[in-house]
Amino acid sequence: MERALLLSVHPRFATAILAGSKTVEVRRQRVAVPPGTPVVLYATAPTMALVGIARVAAVQVGTPREVWSASRARTGITRREYDEYMSGAAQASGLTLEEPVTFEEPVPLSALRSAGAFHPPQSYRYVAGDALRQMAEASPATSTALLGVLGAPASA
């Protein structure tokens, strides 16, 4: 059973990731996931819905300066936004994402909660098995894509 990374992202970043214009998602802490790990994108307020999936192509962990210099053109944010976000962080992670797939219909938070106890993560969390199945059951339109994550090979 494969586990996935459930990532909370601002709606504009979710849109950019799914459009392929933002290929690196940065985080203020170490994110240790192997390449090939599926990523389920949760767009935060005002969208508040699962909007798509992608896969981790690579993860770079380093100081905020190292992560910025390696991936600045692919983060979809300005240096000022990056510096504000990373303020006080000792390390950072840059998740290179590939194979984005936009759900035909976003899965709203209300549907996710009616299918079970769903709490969007502050930053990210791992989900597997029952949690992924529960998310899939919340929306027939996206269940195929989410259930595909469960049985998908670790790498393409």
C-alpha atoms as a PDB file:
ATOM      1  CA  MET A   1       0.000   0.000   0.000  1.00  0.00           C
ATOM      2  CA  GLU A   2       1.553   3.248  -1.092  1.00  0.00           C
ATOM      3  CA  ARG A   3       1.441   6.311   1.103  1.00  0.00           C
ATOM      4  CA  ALA A   4       0.919   9.769  -0.268  1.00  0.00           C
ATOM      5  CA  LEU A   5       1.826  13.244   0.885  1.00  0.00           C
ATOM      6  CA  LEU A   6      -1.181  15.480   1.569  1.00  0.00           C
ATOM      7  CA  LEU A   7       0.059  19.037   0.985  1.00  0.00           C
ATOM      8  CA  SER A   8      -1.810  22.187   1.963  1.00  0.00           C
ATOM      9  CA  VAL A   9      -1.054  24.996  -0.494  1.00  0.00           C
ATOM     10  CA  HIS A  10      -2.504  28.434  -1.196  1.00  0.00           C
ATOM     11  CA  PRO A  11      -4.951  28.335  -4.122  1.00  0.00           C
ATOM     12  CA  ARG A  12      -2.682  30.383  -6.419  1.00  0.00           C
ATOM     13  CA  PHE A  13       0.173  27.923  -5.851  1.00  0.00           C
ATOM     14  CA  ALA A  14      -2.105  24.913  -6.362  1.00  0.00           C
ATOM     15  CA  THR A  15      -3.210  26.413  -9.684  1.00  0.00           C
ATOM     16  CA  ALA A  16       0.410  27.086 -10.717  1.00  0.00           C
ATOM     17  CA  ILE A  17       1.526  23.554  -9.729  1.00  0.00           C
ATOM     18  CA  LEU A  18      -1.320  21.973 -11.689  1.00  0.00           C
ATOM     19  CA  ALA A  19      -0.592  24.235 -14.674  1.00  0.00           C
ATOM     20  CA  GLY A  20       3.064  23.135 -14.581  1.00  0.00           C
ATOM     21  CA  SER A  21       4.427  26.661 -14.111  1.00  0.00           C
ATOM     22  CA  LYS A  22       5.439  26.023 -10.464  1.00  0.00           C
ATOM     23  CA  THR A  23       7.445  22.817 -10.230  1.00  0.00           C
ATOM     24  CA  VAL A  24       9.059  23.294  -6.815  1.00  0.00           C
ATOM     25  CA  GLU A  25       7.090  23.570  -3.570  1.00  0.00           C
ATOM     26  CA  VAL A  26       9.154  24.875  -0.640  1.00  0.00           C
ATOM     27  CA  ARG A  27       8.681  24.006   3.018  1.00  0.00           C
ATOM     28  CA  ARG A  28      10.301  25.323   6.202  1.00  0.00           C
ATOM     29  CA  GLN A  29      11.173  21.875   7.490  1.00  0.00           C
ATOM     30  CA  ARG A  30      12.772  18.700   6.256  1.00  0.00           C
ATOM     31  CA  VAL A  31      10.398  16.662   4.112  1.00  0.00           C
ATOM     32  CA  ALA A  32      11.755  13.149   3.700  1.00  0.00           C
ATOM     33  CA  VAL A  33       9.879  11.377   0.923  1.00  0.00           C
ATOM     34  CA  PRO A  34      11.281   9.195  -1.821  1.00  0.00           C
ATOM     35  CA  PRO A  35      10.980  10.200  -5.485  1.00  0.00           C
ATOM     36  CA  GLY A  36       7.794   8.802  -6.975  1.00  0.00           C
ATOM     37  CA  THR A  37       5.714   9.561  -3.871  1.00  0.00           C
ATOM     38  CA  PRO A  38       2.222  10.731  -4.861  1.00  0.00           C
ATOM     39  CA  VAL A  39       1.189  14.194  -3.668  1.00  0.00           C
ATOM     40  CA  VAL A  40      -2.450  15.111  -3.067  1.00  0.00           C
ATOM     41  CA  LEU A  41      -2.939  18.896  -3.286  1.00  0.00           C
ATOM     42  CA  TYR A  42      -5.313  20.569  -0.850  1.00  0.00           C
ATOM     43  CA  ALA A  43      -5.976  24.219  -1.748  1.00  0.00           C
ATOM     44  CA  THR A  44      -6.506  26.294   1.399  1.00  0.00           C
ATOM     45  CA  ALA A  45      -9.111  29.046   1.927  1.00  0.00           C
ATOM     46  CA  PRO A  46     -11.047  30.289   0.117  1.00  0.00           C
ATOM     47  CA  THR A  47     -10.997  27.142  -2.090  1.00  0.00           C
ATOM     48  CA  MET A  48     -10.813  24.574   0.749  1.00  0.00           C
ATOM     49  CA  ALA A  49     -10.789  21.493  -1.490  1.00  0.00           C
ATOM     50  CA  LEU A  50      -8.611  18.729  -2.900  1.00  0.00           C
ATOM     51  CA  VAL A  51      -7.782  20.013  -6.376  1.00  0.00           C
ATOM     52  CA  GLY A  52      -5.321  17.571  -7.908  1.00  0.00           C
ATOM     53  CA  ILE A  53      -2.389  15.222  -7.617  1.00  0.00           C
ATOM     54  CA  ALA A  54       1.252  15.177  -8.663  1.00  0.00           C
ATOM     55  CA  ARG A  55       4.362  13.096  -7.952  1.00  0.00           C
ATOM     56  CA  VAL A  56       7.593  13.955  -6.174  1.00  0.00           C
ATOM     57  CA  ALA A  57      10.428  13.909  -8.714  1.00  0.00           C
ATOM     58  CA  ALA A  58      13.131  14.921  -6.207  1.00  0.00           C
ATOM     59  CA  VAL A  59      13.589  16.511  -2.789  1.00  0.00           C
ATOM     60  CA  GLN A  60      16.336  18.945  -1.903  1.00  0.00           C
ATOM     61  CA  VAL A  61      16.993  19.603   1.776  1.00  0.00           C
ATOM     62  CA  GLY A  62      19.385  22.349   2.798  1.00  0.00           C
ATOM     63  CA  THR A  63      19.576  25.823   4.235  1.00  0.00           C
ATOM     64  CA  PRO A  64      16.940  28.253   2.977  1.00  0.00           C
ATOM     65  CA  ARG A  65      19.687  29.956   0.909  1.00  0.00           C
ATOM     66  CA  GLU A  66      20.753  26.655  -0.731  1.00  0.00           C
ATOM     67  CA  VAL A  67      17.179  25.669  -1.582  1.00  0.00           C
ATOM     68  CA  TRP A  68      16.473  29.129  -3.033  1.00  0.00           C
ATOM     69  CA  SER A  69      19.580  29.157  -5.208  1.00  0.00           C
ATOM     70  CA  ALA A  70      18.814  25.690  -6.586  1.00  0.00           C
ATOM     71  CA  SER A  71      15.173  26.304  -7.383  1.00  0.00           C
ATOM     72  CA  ARG A  72      14.252  30.000  -7.369  1.00  0.00           C
ATOM     73  CA  ALA A  73      12.990  30.116 -10.967  1.00  0.00           C
ATOM     74  CA  ARG A  74      10.682  27.144 -10.363  1.00  0.00           C
ATOM     75  CA  THR A  75       9.095  28.144  -7.021  1.00  0.00           C
ATOM     76  CA  GLY A  76       6.489  30.537  -8.396  1.00  0.00           C
ATOM     77  CA  ILE A  77       7.257  33.093  -5.683  1.00  0.00           C
ATOM     78  CA  THR A  78       9.359  36.227  -5.363  1.00  0.00           C
ATOM     79  CA  ARG A  79      12.549  36.407  -3.315  1.00  0.00           C
ATOM     80  CA  ARG A  80      10.744  38.675  -0.831  1.00  0.00           C
ATOM     81  CA  GLU A  81       7.898  36.139  -0.388  1.00  0.00           C
ATOM     82  CA  TYR A  82      10.441  33.351   0.027  1.00  0.00           C
ATOM     83  CA  ASP A  83      12.492  35.273   2.603  1.00  0.00           C
ATOM     84  CA  GLU A  84       9.354  36.173   4.591  1.00  0.00           C
ATOM     85  CA  TYR A  85       8.167  32.562   4.574  1.00  0.00           C
ATOM     86  CA  MET A  86      11.596  31.196   5.544  1.00  0.00           C
ATOM     87  CA  SER A  87      12.278  33.811   8.216  1.00  0.00           C
ATOM     88  CA  GLY A  88      13.849  32.056  11.210  1.00  0.00           C
ATOM     89  CA  ALA A  89      14.007  28.637   9.530  1.00  0.00           C
ATOM     90  CA  ALA A  90      17.282  26.724   9.902  1.00  0.00           C
ATOM     91  CA  GLN A  91      16.556  24.334   7.057  1.00  0.00           C
ATOM     92  CA  ALA A  92      14.263  24.106   4.075  1.00  0.00           C
ATOM     93  CA  SER A  93      12.995  21.552   1.602  1.00  0.00           C
ATOM     94  CA  GLY A  94      12.332  22.000  -2.075  1.00  0.00           C
ATOM     95  CA  LEU A  95       9.966  19.374  -3.465  1.00  0.00           C
ATOM     96  CA  THR A  96      10.252  19.061  -7.233  1.00  0.00           C
ATOM     97  CA  LEU A  97       6.842  17.978  -8.519  1.00  0.00           C
ATOM     98  CA  GLU A  98       5.989  16.288 -11.811  1.00  0.00           C
ATOM     99  CA  GLU A  99       3.006  14.760 -13.623  1.00  0.00           C
ATOM    100  CA  PRO A 100       0.368  17.148 -12.259  1.00  0.00           C
ATOM    101  CA  VAL A 101      -3.250  16.088 -12.772  1.00  0.00           C
ATOM    102  CA  THR A 102      -6.118  18.481 -12.065  1.00  0.00           C
ATOM    103  CA  PHE A 103      -9.283  16.906 -10.707  1.00  0.00           C
ATOM    104  CA  GLU A 104     -12.283  17.474 -12.983  1.00  0.00           C
ATOM    105  CA  GLU A 105     -14.198  18.492  -9.875  1.00  0.00           C
ATOM    106  CA  PRO A 106     -12.455  19.710  -6.726  1.00  0.00           C
ATOM    107  CA  VAL A 107     -13.376  17.717  -3.604  1.00  0.00           C
ATOM    108  CA  PRO A 108     -14.668  20.295  -1.101  1.00  0.00           C
ATOM    109  CA  LEU A 109     -13.791  20.144   2.590  1.00  0.00           C
ATOM    110  CA  SER A 110     -17.478  19.595   3.432  1.00  0.00           C
ATOM    111  CA  ALA A 111     -17.560  16.403   1.306  1.00  0.00           C
ATOM    112  CA  LEU A 112     -14.266  15.200   2.805  1.00  0.00           C
ATOM    113  CA  ARG A 113     -15.642  15.714   6.312  1.00  0.00           C
ATOM    114  CA  SER A 114     -18.921  13.973   5.525  1.00  0.00           C
ATOM    115  CA  ALA A 115     -16.910  10.917   4.398  1.00  0.00           C
ATOM    116  CA  GLY A 116     -14.983  10.805   7.686  1.00  0.00           C
ATOM    117  CA  ALA A 117     -12.832  12.790  10.095  1.00  0.00           C
ATOM    118  CA  PHE A 118     -10.785  14.901   7.672  1.00  0.00           C
ATOM    119  CA  HIS A 119      -8.483  17.649   8.896  1.00  0.00           C
ATOM    120  CA  PRO A 120      -6.384  19.536   6.356  1.00  0.00           C
ATOM    121  CA  PRO A 121      -2.768  19.660   7.524  1.00  0.00           C
ATOM    122  CA  GLN A 122      -1.126  22.946   8.489  1.00  0.00           C
ATOM    123  CA  SER A 123       1.737  22.160   6.100  1.00  0.00           C
ATOM    124  CA  TYR A 124       1.708  18.494   5.087  1.00  0.00           C
ATOM    125  CA  ARG A 125       1.087  15.012   6.428  1.00  0.00           C
ATOM    126  CA  TYR A 126       1.348  11.462   5.180  1.00  0.00           C
ATOM    127  CA  VAL A 127      -1.801   9.591   4.217  1.00  0.00           C
ATOM    128  CA  ALA A 128      -2.247   5.952   3.261  1.00  0.00           C
ATOM    129  CA  GLY A 129      -4.803   3.198   3.013  1.00  0.00           C
ATOM    130  CA  ASP A 130      -7.993   4.109   4.835  1.00  0.00           C
ATOM    131  CA  ALA A 131      -7.375   7.874   4.743  1.00  0.00           C
ATOM    132  CA  LEU A 132      -6.842   7.806   0.968  1.00  0.00           C
ATOM    133  CA  ARG A 133      -9.875   5.571   0.481  1.00  0.00           C
ATOM    134  CA  GLN A 134     -11.957   7.956   2.587  1.00  0.00           C
ATOM    135  CA  MET A 135     -10.816  10.904   0.464  1.00  0.00           C
ATOM    136  CA  ALA A 136     -11.694   8.947  -2.688  1.00  0.00           C
ATOM    137  CA  GLU A 137     -15.149   8.096  -1.366  1.00  0.00           C
ATOM    138  CA  ALA A 138     -15.867  11.784  -0.807  1.00  0.00           C
ATOM    139  CA  SER A 139     -16.109  12.371  -4.548  1.00  0.00           C
ATOM    140  CA  PRO A 140     -17.031   9.857  -7.228  1.00  0.00           C
ATOM    141  CA  ALA A 141     -15.597  12.212  -9.885  1.00  0.00           C
ATOM    142  CA  THR A 142     -12.084  12.055  -8.434  1.00  0.00           C
ATOM    143  CA  SER A 143     -12.110   8.620  -6.847  1.00  0.00           C
ATOM    144  CA  THR A 144     -10.419   7.016  -9.871  1.00  0.00           C
ATOM    145  CA  ALA A 145      -7.482   9.431  -9.657  1.00  0.00           C
ATOM    146  CA  LEU A 146      -7.163   9.044  -5.883  1.00  0.00           C
ATOM    147  CA  LEU A 147      -7.524   5.274  -5.931  1.00  0.00           C
ATOM    148  CA  GLY A 148      -4.941   5.208  -8.723  1.00  0.00           C
ATOM    149  CA  VAL A 149      -2.521   6.609  -6.137  1.00  0.00           C
ATOM    150  CA  LEU A 150      -3.146   3.552  -3.971  1.00  0.00           C
ATOM    151  CA  GLY A 151      -2.156   1.059  -6.630  1.00  0.00           C
ATOM    152  CA  ALA A 152       0.264   3.155  -8.657  1.00  0.00           C
ATOM    153  CA  PRO A 153       3.830   1.905  -9.038  1.00  0.00           C
ATOM    154  CA  ALA A 154       6.398   3.814  -6.987  1.00  0.00           C
ATOM    155  CA  SER A 155       7.976   5.252 -10.120  1.00  0.00           C
ATOM    156  CA  ALA A 156       6.912   5.721 -13.711  1.00  0.00           C
END
